[in-house]
N, C-alpha and C. Protein backbone atom coordinates (compact mmCIF):
# COMPACT_ATOMS: atom_id res chain seq x y z
N MET A 1 -17.69 3.87 -2.28
CA MET A 1 -17.03 3.10 -3.32
C MET A 1 -17.17 1.62 -3.05
N GLU A 2 -17.25 0.88 -4.11
CA GLU A 2 -17.36 -0.57 -4.01
C GLU A 2 -15.98 -1.19 -3.81
N THR A 3 -15.91 -2.25 -3.03
CA THR A 3 -14.62 -2.90 -2.80
C THR A 3 -14.13 -3.56 -4.09
N ASN A 4 -12.82 -3.48 -4.32
CA ASN A 4 -12.24 -4.07 -5.52
C ASN A 4 -10.88 -4.72 -5.24
N VAL A 5 -10.56 -4.92 -3.97
CA VAL A 5 -9.30 -5.54 -3.58
C VAL A 5 -9.62 -6.86 -2.88
N GLY A 6 -9.21 -7.97 -3.50
CA GLY A 6 -9.48 -9.29 -2.95
C GLY A 6 -8.53 -9.66 -1.83
N THR A 7 -8.78 -10.81 -1.21
CA THR A 7 -8.02 -11.24 -0.05
C THR A 7 -6.53 -11.44 -0.33
N PRO A 8 -6.12 -12.17 -1.38
CA PRO A 8 -4.67 -12.32 -1.61
C PRO A 8 -4.00 -10.96 -1.87
N ASP A 9 -4.65 -10.13 -2.67
CA ASP A 9 -4.14 -8.80 -2.97
C ASP A 9 -4.04 -7.98 -1.68
N ARG A 10 -5.04 -8.10 -0.84
CA ARG A 10 -5.08 -7.36 0.43
C ARG A 10 -3.92 -7.75 1.34
N LEU A 11 -3.66 -9.04 1.44
CA LEU A 11 -2.57 -9.51 2.30
C LEU A 11 -1.21 -9.04 1.79
N VAL A 12 -1.02 -9.08 0.48
CA VAL A 12 0.24 -8.59 -0.10
C VAL A 12 0.40 -7.10 0.18
N ARG A 13 -0.67 -6.34 0.01
CA ARG A 13 -0.61 -4.90 0.28
C ARG A 13 -0.28 -4.62 1.75
N LEU A 14 -0.87 -5.38 2.66
CA LEU A 14 -0.59 -5.18 4.08
C LEU A 14 0.88 -5.44 4.41
N VAL A 15 1.40 -6.57 3.93
CA VAL A 15 2.78 -6.94 4.25
C VAL A 15 3.77 -5.99 3.58
N VAL A 16 3.61 -5.78 2.28
CA VAL A 16 4.54 -4.92 1.55
C VAL A 16 4.44 -3.48 2.05
N GLY A 17 3.22 -3.00 2.30
CA GLY A 17 3.04 -1.64 2.81
C GLY A 17 3.69 -1.44 4.17
N ALA A 18 3.53 -2.43 5.04
CA ALA A 18 4.15 -2.33 6.37
C ALA A 18 5.67 -2.33 6.27
N VAL A 19 6.22 -3.21 5.45
CA VAL A 19 7.68 -3.27 5.29
C VAL A 19 8.22 -1.97 4.71
N ILE A 20 7.59 -1.47 3.65
CA ILE A 20 8.05 -0.21 3.04
C ILE A 20 7.91 0.94 4.03
N GLY A 21 6.81 0.98 4.78
CA GLY A 21 6.62 2.04 5.76
C GLY A 21 7.67 2.00 6.87
N ILE A 22 7.99 0.80 7.34
CA ILE A 22 9.02 0.67 8.38
C ILE A 22 10.38 1.09 7.85
N ILE A 23 10.68 0.71 6.62
CA ILE A 23 11.96 1.14 6.02
C ILE A 23 11.99 2.66 5.91
N GLY A 24 10.89 3.25 5.49
CA GLY A 24 10.82 4.71 5.39
C GLY A 24 11.02 5.39 6.73
N LEU A 25 10.41 4.83 7.77
CA LEU A 25 10.60 5.40 9.11
C LEU A 25 12.04 5.24 9.59
N ALA A 26 12.66 4.11 9.23
CA ALA A 26 14.06 3.90 9.61
C ALA A 26 14.96 4.92 8.91
N VAL A 27 14.65 5.24 7.67
CA VAL A 27 15.43 6.25 6.94
C VAL A 27 15.25 7.61 7.61
N LEU A 28 14.01 7.96 7.92
CA LEU A 28 13.75 9.26 8.54
C LEU A 28 14.33 9.34 9.95
N GLY A 29 14.41 8.20 10.63
CA GLY A 29 14.99 8.17 11.97
C GLY A 29 16.50 8.12 11.98
N GLY A 30 17.12 8.03 10.81
CA GLY A 30 18.57 8.03 10.71
C GLY A 30 19.20 6.66 10.87
N LEU A 31 18.40 5.60 10.93
CA LEU A 31 18.94 4.26 11.07
C LEU A 31 19.51 3.72 9.76
N ILE A 32 18.98 4.24 8.65
CA ILE A 32 19.47 3.87 7.32
C ILE A 32 19.92 5.15 6.64
N GLU A 33 21.13 5.13 6.09
CA GLU A 33 21.71 6.32 5.46
C GLU A 33 21.31 6.43 3.99
N ILE A 34 20.16 7.02 3.74
CA ILE A 34 19.68 7.31 2.39
C ILE A 34 19.06 8.70 2.45
N ALA A 35 18.87 9.32 1.31
CA ALA A 35 18.26 10.66 1.28
C ALA A 35 16.89 10.64 1.96
N SER A 36 16.62 11.66 2.74
CA SER A 36 15.37 11.71 3.49
C SER A 36 14.15 11.76 2.59
N ALA A 37 14.30 12.26 1.36
CA ALA A 37 13.17 12.29 0.43
C ALA A 37 12.72 10.87 0.10
N ILE A 38 13.65 9.94 0.03
CA ILE A 38 13.31 8.54 -0.22
C ILE A 38 12.54 7.99 0.98
N GLY A 39 12.94 8.37 2.18
CA GLY A 39 12.23 7.94 3.38
C GLY A 39 10.80 8.45 3.41
N VAL A 40 10.62 9.71 3.06
CA VAL A 40 9.27 10.29 3.02
C VAL A 40 8.42 9.56 1.98
N ALA A 41 8.98 9.34 0.80
CA ALA A 41 8.24 8.64 -0.27
C ALA A 41 7.88 7.22 0.18
N ALA A 42 8.79 6.54 0.85
CA ALA A 42 8.53 5.18 1.31
C ALA A 42 7.40 5.16 2.34
N VAL A 43 7.39 6.11 3.24
CA VAL A 43 6.32 6.18 4.24
C VAL A 43 4.98 6.42 3.56
N ILE A 44 4.95 7.32 2.59
CA ILE A 44 3.71 7.62 1.88
C ILE A 44 3.20 6.39 1.13
N VAL A 45 4.09 5.72 0.41
CA VAL A 45 3.70 4.52 -0.32
C VAL A 45 3.20 3.44 0.64
N GLY A 46 3.90 3.26 1.75
CA GLY A 46 3.48 2.28 2.75
C GLY A 46 2.11 2.58 3.31
N VAL A 47 1.84 3.84 3.63
CA VAL A 47 0.54 4.23 4.18
C VAL A 47 -0.56 4.00 3.15
N VAL A 48 -0.30 4.34 1.89
CA VAL A 48 -1.30 4.14 0.84
C VAL A 48 -1.60 2.64 0.67
N LEU A 49 -0.57 1.81 0.64
CA LEU A 49 -0.78 0.37 0.48
C LEU A 49 -1.57 -0.21 1.65
N VAL A 50 -1.21 0.14 2.87
CA VAL A 50 -1.93 -0.36 4.04
C VAL A 50 -3.36 0.20 4.04
N GLY A 51 -3.52 1.46 3.69
CA GLY A 51 -4.86 2.06 3.64
C GLY A 51 -5.78 1.39 2.64
N THR A 52 -5.25 1.10 1.46
CA THR A 52 -6.08 0.43 0.45
C THR A 52 -6.39 -1.01 0.86
N ALA A 53 -5.49 -1.63 1.60
CA ALA A 53 -5.76 -2.98 2.09
C ALA A 53 -6.86 -2.96 3.14
N LEU A 54 -6.82 -1.99 4.03
CA LEU A 54 -7.81 -1.91 5.10
C LEU A 54 -9.20 -1.53 4.58
N THR A 55 -9.25 -0.64 3.60
CA THR A 55 -10.55 -0.23 3.05
C THR A 55 -11.03 -1.16 1.94
N ARG A 56 -10.11 -2.00 1.43
CA ARG A 56 -10.40 -2.93 0.34
C ARG A 56 -10.85 -2.21 -0.93
N THR A 57 -10.42 -0.95 -1.07
CA THR A 57 -10.76 -0.15 -2.24
C THR A 57 -9.51 0.53 -2.76
N CYS A 58 -9.26 0.39 -4.06
CA CYS A 58 -8.11 1.01 -4.70
C CYS A 58 -8.59 1.92 -5.82
N LEU A 59 -8.26 3.20 -5.74
CA LEU A 59 -8.69 4.16 -6.74
C LEU A 59 -8.12 3.82 -8.11
N VAL A 60 -6.86 3.41 -8.17
CA VAL A 60 -6.24 3.06 -9.45
C VAL A 60 -6.97 1.87 -10.07
N TYR A 61 -7.31 0.87 -9.26
CA TYR A 61 -8.07 -0.27 -9.76
C TYR A 61 -9.42 0.20 -10.32
N SER A 62 -10.08 1.13 -9.62
CA SER A 62 -11.36 1.65 -10.08
C SER A 62 -11.22 2.33 -11.44
N LEU A 63 -10.17 3.13 -11.59
CA LEU A 63 -9.96 3.83 -12.86
C LEU A 63 -9.66 2.87 -14.00
N LEU A 64 -8.97 1.77 -13.69
CA LEU A 64 -8.61 0.80 -14.73
C LEU A 64 -9.64 -0.31 -14.90
N GLY A 65 -10.66 -0.35 -14.05
CA GLY A 65 -11.68 -1.39 -14.13
C GLY A 65 -11.23 -2.74 -13.63
N VAL A 66 -10.25 -2.75 -12.72
CA VAL A 66 -9.71 -3.99 -12.17
C VAL A 66 -10.46 -4.34 -10.89
N ASP A 67 -10.77 -5.63 -10.71
CA ASP A 67 -11.43 -6.10 -9.50
C ASP A 67 -10.81 -7.45 -9.14
N THR A 68 -10.11 -7.52 -8.01
CA THR A 68 -9.49 -8.78 -7.60
C THR A 68 -10.30 -9.49 -6.51
N CYS A 69 -11.54 -9.07 -6.30
CA CYS A 69 -12.38 -9.70 -5.28
C CYS A 69 -12.87 -11.08 -5.68
N GLY A 70 -12.89 -11.37 -6.96
CA GLY A 70 -13.32 -12.68 -7.41
C GLY A 70 -14.83 -12.82 -7.54
N ARG A 71 -15.56 -11.71 -7.45
CA ARG A 71 -17.02 -11.76 -7.63
C ARG A 71 -17.34 -11.96 -9.10
N ARG A 72 -18.40 -12.63 -9.35
CA ARG A 72 -18.87 -12.82 -10.73
C ARG A 72 -20.10 -11.95 -10.92
N SER A 73 -20.17 -11.24 -12.05
CA SER A 73 -21.31 -10.37 -12.34
C SER A 73 -22.44 -11.15 -12.97
C-alpha cells in the first residue's frame, strides 16, 4: 500500500494513540474505575492509531481517497 498519512497527521496519531492506549491499560489494570469493555476498546483504538502512524498508511483514508502526505500528482 502507498503511504497516505503525512507528518502532522502522523504525530497527532502517535500522541493521541499513546494516550488512549495508556488510559485503556489503566482501566484494564483497575487504576481507573470504568467498565472494562471501554478499556479494551481504548487499547484497540490506541494500537490502531499508533500502527497507522508507524506504517504511514490508513485503510480508511485509502477507501475515502484522502492523502495527507502533501504530494502533488
